[in-house]
């Protein structure tokens, strides 16, 4: 391209060097390869390149918005035989992923729908849970992040049928086509599924849209989170 456009030699050399460095360089999470399951290594790569993430969660706070104490509690419970050092390395993976929310260059739009069941169990302790809920309310103020709560009183909604999932949309290439197909990530206890067939994506998109519309508004969700946090502070 530099030849075609007649770019100066020094600029051409610089761009070639940058391209080589980009091609050969490893992403930050490769340093934690020994504590990241292979299936999740793929997920982190997709998460980093997505332009929009839509997530429904009914059991726990999503990793992208977990506090360190909340994350540490879950990771230790899931890895009881690991040393404190290994637990901390796993926590740092989760913390570093969160830089995505506030990165300077094209941060993705992230939409979370959390069932009220996520907010009620005291994960770790009342203090940890109060801090986690206050953090969710704070994150909801970011311009590219939306957190909505669907309360128990709503009853039946599509999320109950679909279960937890993350839907990732990717930016378009120069020809206007998505750089990657829209992908649904469904995490299981012993592995994960990556779904991208059009009919699968369509069903999950419909489920998310209906659940999103059934949830409280962002403002009401923030108030709900503050009230739930105060409940843990009083206990």
Protein backbone atom coordinates (compact mmCIF):
# COMPACT_ATOMS: atom_id res chain seq x y z
CA UNK A 1 0.00 0.00 0.00
CA UNK A 2 2.87 2.33 0.79
CA UNK A 3 4.31 1.66 -2.68
CA UNK A 4 0.96 2.32 -4.36
CA UNK A 5 0.48 5.63 -2.52
CA UNK A 6 4.13 6.69 -2.87
CA UNK A 7 4.75 6.96 0.87
CA UNK A 8 8.22 8.17 1.97
CA UNK A 9 10.81 5.43 2.64
CA UNK A 10 11.15 6.23 6.37
CA UNK A 11 7.37 6.08 6.86
CA UNK A 12 7.22 2.80 4.92
CA UNK A 13 9.96 1.26 7.03
CA UNK A 14 8.25 2.38 10.22
CA UNK A 15 4.89 0.91 9.20
CA UNK A 16 6.50 -2.38 8.15
CA UNK A 17 8.25 -2.62 11.51
CA UNK A 18 5.02 -1.87 13.35
CA UNK A 19 3.17 -4.52 11.36
CA UNK A 20 5.81 -7.13 12.20
CA UNK A 21 5.70 -6.20 15.88
CA UNK A 22 1.91 -6.45 15.92
CA UNK A 23 1.96 -9.81 14.15
CA UNK A 24 4.58 -11.34 16.41
CA UNK A 25 3.53 -9.74 19.68
CA UNK A 26 1.48 -11.64 22.20
CA UNK A 27 -1.60 -10.28 23.95
CA UNK A 28 -1.43 -9.58 27.69
CA UNK A 29 -3.32 -12.73 28.70
CA UNK A 30 -0.68 -15.07 27.25
CA UNK A 31 1.40 -14.37 30.34
CA UNK A 32 -1.33 -16.14 32.32
CA UNK A 33 -1.70 -19.10 29.96
CA UNK A 34 -1.12 -21.62 32.75
CA UNK A 35 -4.15 -20.43 34.72
CA UNK A 36 -6.54 -19.74 31.83
CA UNK A 37 -8.46 -22.70 30.37
CA UNK A 38 -7.94 -23.09 26.62
CA UNK A 39 -11.61 -22.46 25.85
CA UNK A 40 -11.54 -19.22 27.85
CA UNK A 41 -8.37 -18.03 26.16
CA UNK A 42 -10.43 -17.89 22.97
CA UNK A 43 -13.17 -15.98 24.77
CA UNK A 44 -10.80 -13.29 26.05
CA UNK A 45 -9.50 -12.75 22.51
CA UNK A 46 -13.03 -12.33 21.18
CA UNK A 47 -14.00 -10.07 24.08
CA UNK A 48 -11.05 -7.78 23.34
CA UNK A 49 -12.08 -7.30 19.69
CA UNK A 50 -15.88 -7.05 20.06
CA UNK A 51 -17.55 -3.69 19.51
CA UNK A 52 -20.65 -4.66 21.52
CA UNK A 53 -21.23 -7.18 24.31
CA UNK A 54 -24.68 -8.13 25.59
CA UNK A 55 -24.87 -10.38 28.63
CA UNK A 56 -27.63 -11.95 30.72
CA UNK A 57 -26.58 -13.33 34.10
CA UNK A 58 -28.77 -15.07 36.65
CA UNK A 59 -26.25 -16.57 39.10
CA UNK A 60 -23.28 -14.25 39.60
CA UNK A 61 -21.90 -10.85 38.70
CA UNK A 62 -20.11 -10.89 35.30
CA UNK A 63 -16.32 -10.99 35.45
CA UNK A 64 -15.95 -7.62 33.69
CA UNK A 65 -17.62 -5.83 36.60
CA UNK A 66 -16.52 -7.90 39.60
CA UNK A 67 -14.59 -6.33 42.46
CA UNK A 68 -11.32 -8.00 43.43
CA UNK A 69 -12.78 -9.32 46.69
CA UNK A 70 -15.85 -10.76 44.97
CA UNK A 71 -13.71 -12.33 42.24
CA UNK A 72 -11.26 -13.74 44.78
CA UNK A 73 -14.10 -15.40 46.70
CA UNK A 74 -15.48 -17.11 43.60
CA UNK A 75 -12.08 -18.14 42.25
CA UNK A 76 -10.99 -19.61 45.58
CA UNK A 77 -14.24 -21.57 45.88
CA UNK A 78 -13.75 -22.98 42.37
CA UNK A 79 -10.06 -23.80 42.92
CA UNK A 80 -9.80 -24.93 46.56
CA UNK A 81 -6.50 -26.77 46.09
CA UNK A 82 -4.62 -23.85 44.50
CA UNK A 83 -2.03 -21.81 46.40
CA UNK A 84 -2.67 -18.21 47.40
CA UNK A 85 -0.21 -17.12 44.72
CA UNK A 86 -2.11 -18.95 41.98
CA UNK A 87 -5.43 -17.57 43.23
CA UNK A 88 -4.03 -14.04 42.99
CA UNK A 89 -2.82 -14.65 39.43
CA UNK A 90 -6.32 -15.74 38.45
CA UNK A 91 -7.75 -12.65 40.14
CA UNK A 92 -5.36 -10.45 38.16
CA UNK A 93 -6.54 -11.99 34.88
CA UNK A 94 -10.06 -10.90 35.77
CA UNK A 95 -8.94 -7.44 36.84
CA UNK A 96 -6.90 -6.86 33.67
CA UNK A 97 -9.87 -7.83 31.51
CA UNK A 98 -11.76 -4.92 33.05
CA UNK A 99 -9.49 -2.37 31.37
CA UNK A 100 -11.75 -2.99 28.37
CA UNK A 101 -14.49 -0.89 29.99
CA UNK A 102 -12.49 2.33 30.09
CA UNK A 103 -9.91 1.93 27.33
CA UNK A 104 -9.26 5.14 25.43
CA UNK A 105 -9.53 3.73 21.90
CA UNK A 106 -13.02 2.60 20.91
CA UNK A 107 -14.27 0.99 24.12
CA UNK A 108 -17.08 -1.47 23.39
CA UNK A 109 -20.71 -0.89 24.26
CA UNK A 110 -21.51 -3.33 27.07
CA UNK A 111 -25.07 -4.16 28.13
CA UNK A 112 -25.70 -6.30 31.20
CA UNK A 113 -29.00 -7.68 32.42
CA UNK A 114 -28.72 -9.14 35.92
CA UNK A 115 -31.47 -11.12 37.58
CA UNK A 116 -32.15 -10.04 41.14
CA UNK A 117 -30.95 -13.50 42.23
CA UNK A 118 -27.41 -12.31 41.41
CA UNK A 119 -27.67 -9.53 43.98
CA UNK A 120 -29.05 -11.31 47.02
CA UNK A 121 -26.57 -14.03 48.15
CA UNK A 122 -23.77 -12.72 50.38
CA UNK A 123 -20.77 -13.89 48.32
CA UNK A 124 -17.82 -13.89 50.72
CA UNK A 125 -19.37 -11.59 53.32
CA UNK A 126 -21.91 -8.80 53.68
CA UNK A 127 -19.10 -6.27 53.37
CA UNK A 128 -17.81 -7.80 50.13
CA UNK A 129 -21.31 -7.95 48.68
CA UNK A 130 -22.10 -4.35 49.66
CA UNK A 131 -18.89 -3.24 47.93
CA UNK A 132 -19.74 -5.26 44.83
CA UNK A 133 -23.21 -3.77 44.51
CA UNK A 134 -21.89 -0.24 45.02
CA UNK A 135 -19.32 -0.95 42.28
CA UNK A 136 -22.07 -2.05 39.88
CA UNK A 137 -23.93 1.19 40.53
CA UNK A 138 -20.74 3.16 39.83
CA UNK A 139 -19.98 1.23 36.63
CA UNK A 140 -23.49 2.02 35.43
CA UNK A 141 -22.41 5.67 35.15
CA UNK A 142 -19.89 4.89 32.38
CA UNK A 143 -21.14 6.13 28.98
CA UNK A 144 -20.50 2.78 27.26
CA UNK A 145 -21.83 0.50 30.02
CA UNK A 146 -25.47 -0.20 30.87
CA UNK A 147 -26.54 -2.38 33.79
CA UNK A 148 -30.18 -3.32 34.18
CA UNK A 149 -31.77 -5.43 36.90
CA UNK A 150 -34.74 -7.70 36.37
CA UNK A 151 -36.49 -8.12 39.74
CA UNK A 152 -38.07 -11.25 41.17
CA UNK A 153 -41.53 -9.71 40.86
CA UNK A 154 -41.33 -9.78 37.08
CA UNK A 155 -41.79 -13.55 37.10
CA UNK A 156 -41.33 -15.47 33.85
CA UNK A 157 -39.11 -13.93 31.16
CA UNK A 158 -37.03 -15.30 28.23
CA UNK A 159 -33.80 -15.30 30.24
CA UNK A 160 -35.19 -18.08 32.41
CA UNK A 161 -35.46 -20.22 29.29
CA UNK A 162 -32.14 -19.27 27.70
CA UNK A 163 -29.95 -19.35 30.79
CA UNK A 164 -26.82 -17.24 31.16
CA UNK A 165 -24.97 -16.13 28.02
CA UNK A 166 -22.82 -13.45 26.43
CA UNK A 167 -23.47 -12.21 22.89
CA UNK A 168 -20.54 -10.59 21.05
CA UNK A 169 -20.89 -8.36 17.99
CA UNK A 170 -17.79 -7.39 15.99
CA UNK A 171 -16.82 -4.32 13.93
CA UNK A 172 -17.10 -4.29 10.17
CA UNK A 173 -14.21 -4.67 7.78
CA UNK A 174 -13.52 -2.24 4.97
CA UNK A 175 -16.03 -4.08 2.79
CA UNK A 176 -18.79 -3.53 5.34
CA UNK A 177 -18.96 -7.14 6.50
CA UNK A 178 -18.39 -8.08 10.17
CA UNK A 179 -14.80 -9.04 10.95
CA UNK A 180 -16.18 -12.02 12.89
CA UNK A 181 -19.66 -13.54 12.97
CA UNK A 182 -21.82 -12.62 15.95
CA UNK A 183 -20.96 -15.20 18.58
CA UNK A 184 -22.87 -16.49 21.60
CA UNK A 185 -20.76 -17.69 24.52
CA UNK A 186 -22.45 -20.13 26.91
CA UNK A 187 -20.33 -21.17 29.88
CA UNK A 188 -20.82 -24.56 31.52
CA UNK A 189 -19.36 -26.21 34.60
CA UNK A 190 -16.88 -28.29 32.60
CA UNK A 191 -16.56 -26.31 29.38
CA UNK A 192 -18.10 -23.71 27.10
CA UNK A 193 -20.05 -23.43 23.87
CA UNK A 194 -19.45 -20.91 21.07
CA UNK A 195 -22.56 -20.58 18.92
CA UNK A 196 -22.64 -18.61 15.67
CA UNK A 197 -25.23 -20.22 13.41
CA UNK A 198 -27.72 -17.54 12.27
CA UNK A 199 -30.71 -19.38 13.77
CA UNK A 200 -28.90 -19.74 17.13
CA UNK A 201 -27.90 -16.09 17.20
CA UNK A 202 -31.41 -15.00 16.28
CA UNK A 203 -32.95 -16.90 19.21
CA UNK A 204 -30.48 -15.51 21.72
CA UNK A 205 -30.86 -12.00 20.31
CA UNK A 206 -34.62 -12.24 20.75
CA UNK A 207 -34.18 -13.56 24.30
CA UNK A 208 -31.82 -10.75 25.23
CA UNK A 209 -33.99 -8.03 23.71
CA UNK A 210 -37.10 -9.26 25.54
CA UNK A 211 -35.24 -9.60 28.83
CA UNK A 212 -33.62 -6.17 28.40
CA UNK A 213 -37.02 -4.58 27.81
CA UNK A 214 -38.49 -6.36 30.84
CA UNK A 215 -35.74 -5.11 33.17
CA UNK A 216 -35.72 -1.88 35.16
CA UNK A 217 -34.34 1.24 33.46
CA UNK A 218 -30.71 2.14 34.07
CA UNK A 219 -31.67 4.85 36.56
CA UNK A 220 -34.06 2.56 38.45
CA UNK A 221 -31.49 -0.25 38.35
CA UNK A 222 -28.87 2.05 39.90
CA UNK A 223 -31.30 2.94 42.70
CA UNK A 224 -32.09 -0.76 43.15
CA UNK A 225 -28.37 -1.55 43.46
CA UNK A 226 -27.82 1.18 46.04
CA UNK A 227 -30.75 -0.08 48.12
CA UNK A 228 -29.50 -3.66 47.92
CA UNK A 229 -26.03 -2.52 49.03
CA UNK A 230 -27.50 -0.68 52.01
CA UNK A 231 -29.31 -3.89 52.97
CA UNK A 232 -25.98 -5.71 53.30
CA UNK A 233 -24.47 -2.80 55.21
CA UNK A 234 -27.26 -2.96 57.81
CA UNK A 235 -26.97 -6.72 58.35
